[in-house]
Amino acid sequence: MTLKTTLILTLALLGASVFAPVQRVSAAAEVIDVDSDRQLFLDNLWFHSKQGVELVFHTPTSREVAIQPEHPWERTLIHYSSVVYDQGLFRMWYRGTDGNPWNIMPNGGGQTFTCYAQSQDGIHWEKPKLGVFPHSGSTANNIIGSPRDFMNVSVIVDPNEKPGSKSRYKMISRVNGITGFVSADGLNWDLSETNPLLSRGPFDSHNILLWDEQSARFVIYLRATDMSVPGPFHGGRRAIRRSDSSDFRSWSEPKMVVRPDEGDPVDLHLYTNAAVNYYRASRAFFMFPMILYPERSYPGAPLPGTSEIQFATS
């Protein structure tokens, strides 16, 4: 699968709908029952023929900063965050560190924390004093956990659980494999019944937890090693695997789903996956993977490697 960024029709990003009868799908294609669900124009699936129409990728526009460092425990904000919308509130879990921003590994003199913020509009955020986890002798902060338990977390609201259920919020963490947690409020967490959920790595960077409405299964997108081209990551290149579960306890063996292909540079690595299931069209899956070129350099940068964001759909 190539990740060339030439994919999407303008209307798709505006939430366009198509309710064309299934007969409009090519006779050679499998009939797809769309019912009354919204379908996005992401590729040629819904076109029997096209004239004067093309799929165009539009460049994202930068907006205001949503979260920025304010406290000693978040001297640096790491880009592994997780955002959900639940009962009229946007909720965010993100990673901060009180150490040197270029020395953030566990033995680097600083400590990494999982922090929490919330917002009514998704633009202006507040960081409540939770009273959950101590920093410098006080729990008057927005920290929910340390790297002993939580690292690069991904959180969802389980649509099968009612508000107040002890398992309404589900989370995965990259500690001792992929570890699962459950919570009634998204702030105080307990280990899930079976752990680790997945134990065969690699698992570094940000592994993403989703609920797939179409298949009624939990899904994790995680790191893979592509051995088709020799590289510096365990002898290959970074790629993306997928695992799923019907009960959040037993998970399928992860399978490779996205990797660089022959049209990509040989030094291209799929570092993070940033997978989402579009809430307004449950059939549509997006990825915004960070592409890493580990051996390239940028003048004046303190560390090697350059990166960019690409876009993929399924």
C-alpha atoms as a PDB file:
ATOM      1  CA  MET A   1       0.000   0.000   0.000  1.00  0.00           C
ATOM      2  CA  THR A   2       1.468   3.318  -1.005  1.00  0.00           C
ATOM      3  CA  LEU A   3       1.075   6.388   1.147  1.00  0.00           C
ATOM      4  CA  LYS A   4       1.139   8.950  -1.647  1.00  0.00           C
ATOM      5  CA  THR A   5      -0.825  11.975  -0.583  1.00  0.00           C
ATOM      6  CA  THR A   6      -3.112  12.325  -3.598  1.00  0.00           C
ATOM      7  CA  LEU A   7      -6.218  10.777  -2.199  1.00  0.00           C
ATOM      8  CA  ILE A   8      -9.204  12.721  -1.072  1.00  0.00           C
ATOM      9  CA  LEU A   9     -12.058  14.695  -2.621  1.00  0.00           C
ATOM     10  CA  THR A  10     -12.761  18.051  -1.003  1.00  0.00           C
ATOM     11  CA  LEU A  11     -16.282  17.030  -0.013  1.00  0.00           C
ATOM     12  CA  ALA A  12     -14.993  14.042   1.927  1.00  0.00           C
ATOM     13  CA  LEU A  13     -13.252  16.220   4.500  1.00  0.00           C
ATOM     14  CA  LEU A  14     -16.372  18.375   4.735  1.00  0.00           C
ATOM     15  CA  GLY A  15     -18.433  15.341   5.743  1.00  0.00           C
ATOM     16  CA  ALA A  16     -20.097  14.769   2.359  1.00  0.00           C
ATOM     17  CA  SER A  17     -22.670  12.009   2.087  1.00  0.00           C
ATOM     18  CA  VAL A  18     -23.567   9.686  -0.744  1.00  0.00           C
ATOM     19  CA  PHE A  19     -26.769   7.706  -0.759  1.00  0.00           C
ATOM     20  CA  ALA A  20     -26.523   6.337  -4.278  1.00  0.00           C
ATOM     21  CA  PRO A  21     -28.352   3.035  -4.828  1.00  0.00           C
ATOM     22  CA  VAL A  22     -26.087   0.017  -4.754  1.00  0.00           C
ATOM     23  CA  GLN A  23     -26.779  -0.559  -8.464  1.00  0.00           C
ATOM     24  CA  ARG A  24     -24.437   2.360  -9.165  1.00  0.00           C
ATOM     25  CA  VAL A  25     -21.514   0.236  -7.982  1.00  0.00           C
ATOM     26  CA  SER A  26     -19.761  -1.493 -10.863  1.00  0.00           C
ATOM     27  CA  ALA A  27     -21.473  -4.731 -11.852  1.00  0.00           C
ATOM     28  CA  ALA A  28     -18.121  -6.469 -11.544  1.00  0.00           C
ATOM     29  CA  ALA A  29     -17.780  -5.349  -7.937  1.00  0.00           C
ATOM     30  CA  GLU A  30     -19.277  -6.969  -4.885  1.00  0.00           C
ATOM     31  CA  VAL A  31     -22.623  -5.422  -3.932  1.00  0.00           C
ATOM     32  CA  ILE A  32     -22.275  -3.303  -0.802  1.00  0.00           C
ATOM     33  CA  ASP A  33     -25.302  -2.607   1.369  1.00  0.00           C
ATOM     34  CA  VAL A  34     -24.813   0.973   2.576  1.00  0.00           C
ATOM     35  CA  ASP A  35     -28.265   1.300   4.189  1.00  0.00           C
ATOM     36  CA  SER A  36     -28.547   4.996   5.132  1.00  0.00           C
ATOM     37  CA  ASP A  37     -24.992   5.384   6.440  1.00  0.00           C
ATOM     38  CA  ARG A  38     -22.764   8.210   5.233  1.00  0.00           C
ATOM     39  CA  GLN A  39     -20.142   7.094   2.709  1.00  0.00           C
ATOM     40  CA  LEU A  40     -17.078   9.217   1.902  1.00  0.00           C
ATOM     41  CA  PHE A  41     -15.548   9.752  -1.528  1.00  0.00           C
ATOM     42  CA  LEU A  42     -12.075   8.500  -0.585  1.00  0.00           C
ATOM     43  CA  ASP A  43     -11.292   6.457  -3.694  1.00  0.00           C
ATOM     44  CA  ASN A  44     -13.088   5.081  -6.779  1.00  0.00           C
ATOM     45  CA  LEU A  45     -15.325   2.653  -4.878  1.00  0.00           C
ATOM     46  CA  TRP A  46     -18.538   4.631  -5.364  1.00  0.00           C
ATOM     47  CA  PHE A  47     -17.886   5.714  -8.970  1.00  0.00           C
ATOM     48  CA  HIS A  48     -19.214   3.651 -11.885  1.00  0.00           C
ATOM     49  CA  SER A  49     -17.540   6.188 -14.173  1.00  0.00           C
ATOM     50  CA  LYS A  50     -16.091   9.684 -13.791  1.00  0.00           C
ATOM     51  CA  GLN A  51     -15.963  12.696 -16.085  1.00  0.00           C
ATOM     52  CA  GLY A  52     -14.724  16.098 -14.987  1.00  0.00           C
ATOM     53  CA  VAL A  53     -14.160  14.857 -11.428  1.00  0.00           C
ATOM     54  CA  GLU A  54     -10.866  14.163  -9.672  1.00  0.00           C
ATOM     55  CA  LEU A  55      -9.759  13.293  -6.173  1.00  0.00           C
ATOM     56  CA  VAL A  56      -7.685  16.154  -4.755  1.00  0.00           C
ATOM     57  CA  PHE A  57      -5.675  16.300  -1.548  1.00  0.00           C
ATOM     58  CA  HIS A  58      -5.894  19.637   0.259  1.00  0.00           C
ATOM     59  CA  THR A  59      -3.068  20.858   2.489  1.00  0.00           C
ATOM     60  CA  PRO A  60      -4.030  21.167   6.174  1.00  0.00           C
ATOM     61  CA  THR A  61      -4.054  24.654   7.688  1.00  0.00           C
ATOM     62  CA  SER A  62      -2.211  25.277  10.953  1.00  0.00           C
ATOM     63  CA  ARG A  63      -4.334  26.728  13.783  1.00  0.00           C
ATOM     64  CA  GLU A  64      -3.753  27.908  17.327  1.00  0.00           C
ATOM     65  CA  VAL A  65      -1.836  25.934  19.964  1.00  0.00           C
ATOM     66  CA  ALA A  66      -4.207  23.790  22.036  1.00  0.00           C
ATOM     67  CA  ILE A  67      -1.922  22.512  24.823  1.00  0.00           C
ATOM     68  CA  GLN A  68       1.375  24.033  25.920  1.00  0.00           C
ATOM     69  CA  PRO A  69       3.802  23.510  28.839  1.00  0.00           C
ATOM     70  CA  GLU A  70       2.740  25.306  32.011  1.00  0.00           C
ATOM     71  CA  HIS A  71       3.869  23.227  34.979  1.00  0.00           C
ATOM     72  CA  PRO A  72       7.121  21.642  36.240  1.00  0.00           C
ATOM     73  CA  TRP A  73       5.841  18.128  35.433  1.00  0.00           C
ATOM     74  CA  GLU A  74       5.273  19.073  31.797  1.00  0.00           C
ATOM     75  CA  ARG A  75       8.433  20.952  30.969  1.00  0.00           C
ATOM     76  CA  THR A  76       8.200  19.233  27.608  1.00  0.00           C
ATOM     77  CA  LEU A  77       5.068  17.861  25.955  1.00  0.00           C
ATOM     78  CA  ILE A  78       5.516  14.676  23.928  1.00  0.00           C
ATOM     79  CA  HIS A  79       3.295  14.293  20.876  1.00  0.00           C
ATOM     80  CA  TYR A  80       1.691  10.993  21.995  1.00  0.00           C
ATOM     81  CA  SER A  81      -1.806  12.135  22.961  1.00  0.00           C
ATOM     82  CA  SER A  82      -5.273  10.585  22.925  1.00  0.00           C
ATOM     83  CA  VAL A  83      -8.540  12.566  22.603  1.00  0.00           C
ATOM     84  CA  VAL A  84     -12.141  11.352  22.987  1.00  0.00           C
ATOM     85  CA  TYR A  85     -15.508  13.121  23.047  1.00  0.00           C
ATOM     86  CA  ASP A  86     -17.924  11.933  25.690  1.00  0.00           C
ATOM     87  CA  GLN A  87     -21.085  13.409  27.184  1.00  0.00           C
ATOM     88  CA  GLY A  88     -20.446  16.934  25.929  1.00  0.00           C
ATOM     89  CA  LEU A  89     -16.755  17.074  26.843  1.00  0.00           C
ATOM     90  CA  PHE A  90     -13.525  16.627  24.917  1.00  0.00           C
ATOM     91  CA  ARG A  91     -11.045  14.693  27.051  1.00  0.00           C
ATOM     92  CA  MET A  92      -7.294  14.417  26.392  1.00  0.00           C
ATOM     93  CA  TRP A  93      -4.557  12.211  27.828  1.00  0.00           C
ATOM     94  CA  TYR A  94      -1.052  13.335  26.910  1.00  0.00           C
ATOM     95  CA  ARG A  95       2.566  12.766  27.859  1.00  0.00           C
ATOM     96  CA  GLY A  96       4.771  15.290  29.620  1.00  0.00           C
ATOM     97  CA  THR A  97       8.205  15.196  31.206  1.00  0.00           C
ATOM     98  CA  ASP A  98       9.941  17.224  33.897  1.00  0.00           C
ATOM     99  CA  GLY A  99      13.384  16.519  32.415  1.00  0.00           C
ATOM    100  CA  ASN A 100      15.538  17.979  29.674  1.00  0.00           C
ATOM    101  CA  PRO A 101      13.535  17.973  26.422  1.00  0.00           C
ATOM    102  CA  TRP A 102      16.389  16.235  24.592  1.00  0.00           C
ATOM    103  CA  ASN A 103      17.065  13.742  27.373  1.00  0.00           C
ATOM    104  CA  ILE A 104      13.666  12.167  28.070  1.00  0.00           C
ATOM    105  CA  MET A 105      14.455   8.486  28.261  1.00  0.00           C
ATOM    106  CA  PRO A 106      13.820   6.760  31.640  1.00  0.00           C
ATOM    107  CA  ASN A 107      17.514   7.010  32.551  1.00  0.00           C
ATOM    108  CA  GLY A 108      17.866  10.568  31.274  1.00  0.00           C
ATOM    109  CA  GLY A 109      17.455  12.437  34.527  1.00  0.00           C
ATOM    110  CA  GLY A 110      13.771  13.311  34.108  1.00  0.00           C
ATOM    111  CA  GLN A 111      10.484  11.511  34.705  1.00  0.00           C
ATOM    112  CA  THR A 112       7.647  11.055  32.227  1.00  0.00           C
ATOM    113  CA  PHE A 113       3.997  11.442  33.259  1.00  0.00           C
ATOM    114  CA  THR A 114       0.596  10.824  31.717  1.00  0.00           C
ATOM    115  CA  CYS A 115      -1.448  13.994  32.156  1.00  0.00           C
ATOM    116  CA  TYR A 116      -5.097  14.919  31.585  1.00  0.00           C
ATOM    117  CA  ALA A 117      -6.887  17.951  30.111  1.00  0.00           C
ATOM    118  CA  GLN A 118     -10.481  18.667  29.124  1.00  0.00           C
ATOM    119  CA  SER A 119     -12.358  21.095  26.912  1.00  0.00           C
ATOM    120  CA  GLN A 120     -15.905  22.066  25.978  1.00  0.00           C
ATOM    121  CA  ASP A 121     -15.016  23.125  22.415  1.00  0.00           C
ATOM    122  CA  GLY A 122     -11.820  21.206  21.595  1.00  0.00           C
ATOM    123  CA  ILE A 123      -9.896  24.494  21.300  1.00  0.00           C
ATOM    124  CA  HIS A 124      -9.610  25.940  24.804  1.00  0.00           C
ATOM    125  CA  TRP A 125      -8.361  23.384  27.337  1.00  0.00           C
ATOM    126  CA  GLU A 126      -8.154  23.285  31.115  1.00  0.00           C
ATOM    127  CA  LYS A 127      -5.912  21.105  33.278  1.00  0.00           C
ATOM    128  CA  PRO A 128      -7.853  20.273  36.459  1.00  0.00           C
ATOM    129  CA  LYS A 129      -6.170  19.497  39.765  1.00  0.00           C
ATOM    130  CA  LEU A 130      -7.075  15.828  40.097  1.00  0.00           C
ATOM    131  CA  GLY A 131      -5.579  14.722  43.411  1.00  0.00           C
ATOM    132  CA  VAL A 132      -4.584  11.402  41.825  1.00  0.00           C
ATOM    133  CA  PHE A 133      -0.770  11.276  41.553  1.00  0.00           C
ATOM    134  CA  PRO A 134       1.925  13.100  43.582  1.00  0.00           C
ATOM    135  CA  HIS A 135       4.584  15.361  42.114  1.00  0.00           C
ATOM    136  CA  SER A 136       7.027  17.165  44.430  1.00  0.00           C
ATOM    137  CA  GLY A 137       4.921  16.154  47.430  1.00  0.00           C
ATOM    138  CA  SER A 138       1.572  17.377  46.119  1.00  0.00           C
ATOM    139  CA  THR A 139      -1.335  15.819  44.191  1.00  0.00           C
ATOM    140  CA  ALA A 140      -2.639  19.259  43.130  1.00  0.00           C
ATOM    141  CA  ASN A 141      -1.872  18.539  39.510  1.00  0.00           C
ATOM    142  CA  ASN A 142      -3.354  16.965  36.368  1.00  0.00           C
ATOM    143  CA  ILE A 143      -1.184  13.819  36.431  1.00  0.00           C
ATOM    144  CA  ILE A 144      -2.898  10.410  36.340  1.00  0.00           C
ATOM    145  CA  GLY A 145       0.169   8.143  36.301  1.00  0.00           C
ATOM    146  CA  SER A 146       3.899   7.578  35.894  1.00  0.00           C
ATOM    147  CA  PRO A 147       5.893   5.489  33.364  1.00  0.00           C
ATOM    148  CA  ARG A 148       5.876   2.545  35.784  1.00  0.00           C
ATOM    149  CA  ASP A 149       2.333   1.851  34.572  1.00  0.00           C
ATOM    150  CA  PHE A 150       1.464   4.335  31.829  1.00  0.00           C
ATOM    151  CA  MET A 151       3.493   5.111  28.717  1.00  0.00           C
ATOM    152  CA  ASN A 152       2.184   6.577  25.450  1.00  0.00           C
ATOM    153  CA  VAL A 153      -1.402   5.692  26.306  1.00  0.00           C
ATOM    154  CA  SER A 154      -4.379   5.409  23.957  1.00  0.00           C
ATOM    155  CA  VAL A 155      -7.906   5.764  25.388  1.00  0.00           C
ATOM    156  CA  ILE A 156     -11.404   5.047  24.054  1.00  0.00           C
ATOM    157  CA  VAL A 157     -14.930   5.206  25.415  1.00  0.00           C
ATOM    158  CA  ASP A 158     -16.441   1.737  25.048  1.00  0.00           C
ATOM    159  CA  PRO A 159     -19.865   2.238  23.376  1.00  0.00           C
ATOM    160  CA  ASN A 160     -21.054  -1.059  24.890  1.00  0.00           C
ATOM    161  CA  GLU A 161     -20.685   0.258  28.452  1.00  0.00           C
ATOM    162  CA  LYS A 162     -23.068   2.675  30.174  1.00  0.00           C
ATOM    163  CA  PRO A 163     -21.875   5.803  32.036  1.00  0.00           C
ATOM    164  CA  GLY A 164     -20.608   4.816  35.468  1.00  0.00           C
ATOM    165  CA  SER A 165     -19.603   1.295  34.406  1.00  0.00           C
ATOM    166  CA  LYS A 166     -16.207   0.333  35.799  1.00  0.00           C
ATOM    167  CA  SER A 167     -15.079  -0.568  32.252  1.00  0.00           C
ATOM    168  CA  ARG A 168     -16.573   2.389  30.362  1.00  0.00           C
ATOM    169  CA  TYR A 169     -13.121   3.787  29.543  1.00  0.00           C
ATOM    170  CA  LYS A 170     -10.499   1.455  28.122  1.00  0.00           C
ATOM    171  CA  MET A 171      -6.817   2.220  27.721  1.00  0.00           C
ATOM    172  CA  ILE A 172      -3.677   0.571  26.409  1.00  0.00           C
ATOM    173  CA  SER A 173      -0.174   1.409  27.604  1.00  0.00           C
ATOM    174  CA  ARG A 174       3.252   0.464  26.276  1.00  0.00           C
ATOM    175  CA  VAL A 175       4.594  -1.100  29.479  1.00  0.00           C
ATOM    176  CA  ASN A 176       5.642  -4.785  29.599  1.00  0.00           C
ATOM    177  CA  GLY A 177       4.156  -5.287  26.140  1.00  0.00           C
ATOM    178  CA  ILE A 178       0.738  -3.839  25.412  1.00  0.00           C
ATOM    179  CA  THR A 179      -1.044  -3.542  28.768  1.00  0.00           C
ATOM    180  CA  GLY A 180      -4.786  -2.958  29.138  1.00  0.00           C
ATOM    181  CA  PHE A 181      -6.587  -0.811  31.720  1.00  0.00           C
ATOM    182  CA  VAL A 182     -10.245  -0.005  32.490  1.00  0.00           C
ATOM    183  CA  SER A 183     -11.843   2.908  34.317  1.00  0.00           C
ATOM    184  CA  ALA A 184     -15.219   4.318  35.297  1.00  0.00           C
ATOM    185  CA  ASP A 185     -14.098   7.952  35.068  1.00  0.00           C
ATOM    186  CA  GLY A 186     -11.001   8.003  32.833  1.00  0.00           C
ATOM    187  CA  LEU A 187      -8.843   9.201  35.731  1.00  0.00           C
ATOM    188  CA  ASN A 188      -8.517   6.270  38.139  1.00  0.00           C
ATOM    189  CA  TRP A 189      -7.488   3.095  36.328  1.00  0.00           C
ATOM    190  CA  ASP A 190      -7.391  -0.637  37.072  1.00  0.00           C
ATOM    191  CA  LEU A 191      -5.630  -3.369  35.136  1.00  0.00           C
ATOM    192  CA  SER A 192      -7.959  -5.235  32.798  1.00  0.00           C
ATOM    193  CA  GLU A 193      -8.704  -8.916  33.399  1.00  0.00           C
ATOM    194  CA  THR A 194      -5.989 -10.292  31.101  1.00  0.00           C
ATOM    195  CA  ASN A 195      -2.506  -8.805  30.744  1.00  0.00           C
ATOM    196  CA  PRO A 196      -0.429  -8.250  28.807  1.00  0.00           C
ATOM    197  CA  LEU A 197      -2.853  -7.983  25.897  1.00  0.00           C
ATOM    198  CA  LEU A 198       0.009  -8.452  23.436  1.00  0.00           C
ATOM    199  CA  SER A 199       3.551  -9.536  24.233  1.00  0.00           C
ATOM    200  CA  ARG A 200       5.367 -10.016  20.910  1.00  0.00           C
ATOM    201  CA  GLY A 201       6.979  -6.679  20.025  1.00  0.00           C
ATOM    202  CA  PRO A 202       8.178  -4.314  18.877  1.00  0.00           C
ATOM    203  CA  PHE A 203       5.787  -1.882  20.581  1.00  0.00           C
ATOM    204  CA  ASP A 204       7.731   1.381  20.745  1.00  0.00           C
ATOM    205  CA  SER A 205       6.180   4.801  19.963  1.00  0.00           C
ATOM    206  CA  HIS A 206       2.386   5.174  20.013  1.00  0.00           C
ATOM    207  CA  ASN A 207       0.066   2.172  19.685  1.00  0.00           C
ATOM    208  CA  ILE A 208      -3.552   3.129  18.934  1.00  0.00           C
ATOM    209  CA  LEU A 209      -6.719   1.550  20.388  1.00  0.00           C
ATOM    210  CA  LEU A 210     -10.002   1.822  18.430  1.00  0.00           C
ATOM    211  CA  TRP A 211     -13.532   0.454  18.473  1.00  0.00           C
ATOM    212  CA  ASP A 212     -14.566  -0.780  15.001  1.00  0.00           C
ATOM    213  CA  GLU A 213     -18.319  -0.372  14.764  1.00  0.00           C
ATOM    214  CA  GLN A 214     -18.592  -2.359  11.519  1.00  0.00           C
ATOM    215  CA  SER A 215     -17.026  -5.518  12.943  1.00  0.00           C
ATOM    216  CA  ALA A 216     -17.988  -4.825  16.588  1.00  0.00           C
ATOM    217  CA  ARG A 217     -14.401  -5.470  17.684  1.00  0.00           C
ATOM    218  CA  PHE A 218     -11.636  -3.659  19.515  1.00  0.00           C
ATOM    219  CA  VAL A 219      -8.618  -2.930  17.323  1.00  0.00           C
ATOM    220  CA  ILE A 220      -4.997  -2.040  18.088  1.00  0.00           C
ATOM    221  CA  TYR A 221      -2.676  -0.580  15.454  1.00  0.00           C
ATOM    222  CA  LEU A 222       0.931  -1.075  16.510  1.00  0.00           C
ATOM    223  CA  ARG A 223       4.547  -1.092  15.392  1.00  0.00           C
ATOM    224  CA  ALA A 224       5.884  -3.696  12.954  1.00  0.00           C
ATOM    225  CA  THR A 225       9.236  -4.471  11.370  1.00  0.00           C
ATOM    226  CA  ASP A 226       9.308  -4.658   7.582  1.00  0.00           C
ATOM    227  CA  MET A 227      12.158  -6.972   6.611  1.00  0.00           C
ATOM    228  CA  SER A 228      11.656  -6.657   2.826  1.00  0.00           C
ATOM    229  CA  VAL A 229      14.367  -3.963   2.717  1.00  0.00           C
ATOM    230  CA  PRO A 230      17.374  -4.004   5.079  1.00  0.00           C
ATOM    231  CA  GLY A 231      17.311  -1.110   7.529  1.00  0.00           C
ATOM    232  CA  PRO A 232      18.410   0.135  10.965  1.00  0.00           C
ATOM    233  CA  PHE A 233      15.274  -0.982  12.882  1.00  0.00           C
ATOM    234  CA  HIS A 234      15.818  -4.605  13.997  1.00  0.00           C
ATOM    235  CA  GLY A 235      17.343  -5.213  10.569  1.00  0.00           C
ATOM    236  CA  GLY A 236      14.454  -3.654   8.637  1.00  0.00           C
ATOM    237  CA  ARG A 237      12.132  -0.662   8.477  1.00  0.00           C
ATOM    238  CA  ARG A 238       9.329   0.488  10.751  1.00  0.00           C
ATOM    239  CA  ALA A 239       5.827  -0.448   9.580  1.00  0.00           C
ATOM    240  CA  ILE A 240       2.327  -0.959  11.052  1.00  0.00           C
ATOM    241  CA  ARG A 241       0.552  -4.085  12.373  1.00  0.00           C
ATOM    242  CA  ARG A 242      -3.052  -4.673  13.413  1.00  0.00           C
ATOM    243  CA  SER A 243      -4.648  -6.891  16.085  1.00  0.00           C
ATOM    244  CA  ASP A 244      -8.308  -7.193  17.129  1.00  0.00           C
ATOM    245  CA  SER A 245     -10.480  -8.621  19.901  1.00  0.00           C
ATOM    246  CA  SER A 246     -14.155  -9.153  20.640  1.00  0.00           C
ATOM    247  CA  ASP A 247     -13.787  -8.919  24.429  1.00  0.00           C
ATOM    248  CA  PHE A 248     -10.644  -6.845  25.195  1.00  0.00           C
ATOM    249  CA  ARG A 249      -9.053  -9.981  26.662  1.00  0.00           C
ATOM    250  CA  SER A 250      -8.051 -12.339  23.836  1.00  0.00           C
ATOM    251  CA  TRP A 251      -6.310 -10.677  20.892  1.00  0.00           C
ATOM    252  CA  SER A 252      -5.473 -11.937  17.427  1.00  0.00           C
ATOM    253  CA  GLU A 253      -1.883 -12.392  16.277  1.00  0.00           C
ATOM    254  CA  PRO A 254      -0.854  -8.992  14.861  1.00  0.00           C
ATOM    255  CA  LYS A 255      -0.636  -8.837  11.069  1.00  0.00           C
ATOM    256  CA  MET A 256       1.173  -6.347   8.855  1.00  0.00           C
ATOM    257  CA  VAL A 257      -1.310  -3.882   7.312  1.00  0.00           C
ATOM    258  CA  VAL A 258       0.807  -0.910   6.149  1.00  0.00           C
ATOM    259  CA  ARG A 259       4.430  -0.823   5.076  1.00  0.00           C
ATOM    260  CA  PRO A 260       6.557   1.155   2.623  1.00  0.00           C
ATOM    261  CA  ASP A 261       6.267  -0.126  -0.935  1.00  0.00           C
ATOM    262  CA  GLU A 262       8.398   0.014  -4.059  1.00  0.00           C
ATOM    263  CA  GLY A 263       7.253   3.586  -4.748  1.00  0.00           C
ATOM    264  CA  ASP A 264       8.653   4.862  -1.433  1.00  0.00           C
ATOM    265  CA  PRO A 265      12.263   5.829  -0.618  1.00  0.00           C
ATOM    266  CA  VAL A 266      14.244   2.952   0.884  1.00  0.00           C
ATOM    267  CA  ASP A 267      14.921   5.031   4.030  1.00  0.00           C
ATOM    268  CA  LEU A 268      11.211   5.696   4.710  1.00  0.00           C
ATOM    269  CA  HIS A 269       9.962   4.430   8.081  1.00  0.00           C
ATOM    270  CA  LEU A 270       6.340   4.494   9.309  1.00  0.00           C
ATOM    271  CA  TYR A 271       7.020   5.758  12.815  1.00  0.00           C
ATOM    272  CA  THR A 272       3.595   6.428  14.358  1.00  0.00           C
ATOM    273  CA  ASN A 273       0.251   5.466  12.791  1.00  0.00           C
ATOM    274  CA  ALA A 274      -2.321   7.943  14.244  1.00  0.00           C
ATOM    275  CA  ALA A 275      -5.200   5.701  13.114  1.00  0.00           C
ATOM    276  CA  VAL A 276      -8.809   6.861  13.561  1.00  0.00           C
ATOM    277  CA  ASN A 277     -12.212   5.432  12.696  1.00  0.00           C
ATOM    278  CA  TYR A 278     -14.198   8.425  11.402  1.00  0.00           C
ATOM    279  CA  TYR A 279     -17.134   8.852  13.775  1.00  0.00           C
ATOM    280  CA  ARG A 280     -19.489  10.232  11.097  1.00  0.00           C
ATOM    281  CA  ALA A 281     -18.862   7.362   8.646  1.00  0.00           C
ATOM    282  CA  SER A 282     -18.050   4.137  10.471  1.00  0.00           C
ATOM    283  CA  ARG A 283     -16.755   2.362   7.349  1.00  0.00           C
ATOM    284  CA  ALA A 284     -13.991   4.964   6.883  1.00  0.00           C
ATOM    285  CA  PHE A 285     -10.597   4.588   8.550  1.00  0.00           C
ATOM    286  CA  PHE A 286      -7.901   7.261   8.353  1.00  0.00           C
ATOM    287  CA  MET A 287      -4.225   7.217   9.246  1.00  0.00           C
ATOM    288  CA  PHE A 288      -1.940  10.214   9.626  1.00  0.00           C
ATOM    289  CA  PRO A 289       1.395   8.401  10.007  1.00  0.00           C
ATOM    290  CA  MET A 290       4.554  10.250  10.913  1.00  0.00           C
ATOM    291  CA  ILE A 291       7.171   9.338   8.337  1.00  0.00           C
ATOM    292  CA  LEU A 292      10.718   9.156   9.674  1.00  0.00           C
ATOM    293  CA  TYR A 293      13.897   9.319   7.608  1.00  0.00           C
ATOM    294  CA  PRO A 294      16.372   8.344  10.358  1.00  0.00           C
ATOM    295  CA  GLU A 295      19.574   8.910   8.429  1.00  0.00           C
ATOM    296  CA  ARG A 296      18.711  12.345   7.052  1.00  0.00           C
ATOM    297  CA  SER A 297      19.535  15.492   8.980  1.00  0.00           C
ATOM    298  CA  TYR A 298      18.307  19.041   9.333  1.00  0.00           C
ATOM    299  CA  PRO A 299      20.900  21.821   9.755  1.00  0.00           C
ATOM    300  CA  GLY A 300      21.143  22.906  13.366  1.00  0.00           C
ATOM    301  CA  ALA A 301      18.879  20.175  14.761  1.00  0.00           C
ATOM    302  CA  PRO A 302      20.154  18.545  17.992  1.00  0.00           C
ATOM    303  CA  LEU A 303      19.261  15.015  16.840  1.00  0.00           C
ATOM    304  CA  PRO A 304      19.482  13.208  13.482  1.00  0.00           C
ATOM    305  CA  GLY A 305      16.429  12.315  11.417  1.00  0.00           C
ATOM    306  CA  THR A 306      13.760  14.268   9.551  1.00  0.00           C
ATOM    307  CA  SER A 307      10.018  13.638   9.453  1.00  0.00           C
ATOM    308  CA  GLU A 308       6.745  14.504   7.729  1.00  0.00           C
ATOM    309  CA  ILE A 309       3.061  13.618   8.040  1.00  0.00           C
ATOM    310  CA  GLN A 310       1.301  11.630   5.316  1.00  0.00           C
ATOM    311  CA  PHE A 311      -2.289  10.464   4.885  1.00  0.00           C
ATOM    312  CA  ALA A 312      -3.807   7.048   4.194  1.00  0.00           C
ATOM    313  CA  THR A 313      -7.377   5.741   4.027  1.00  0.00           C
ATOM    314  CA  SER A 314      -9.117   2.388   4.207  1.00  0.00           C
END
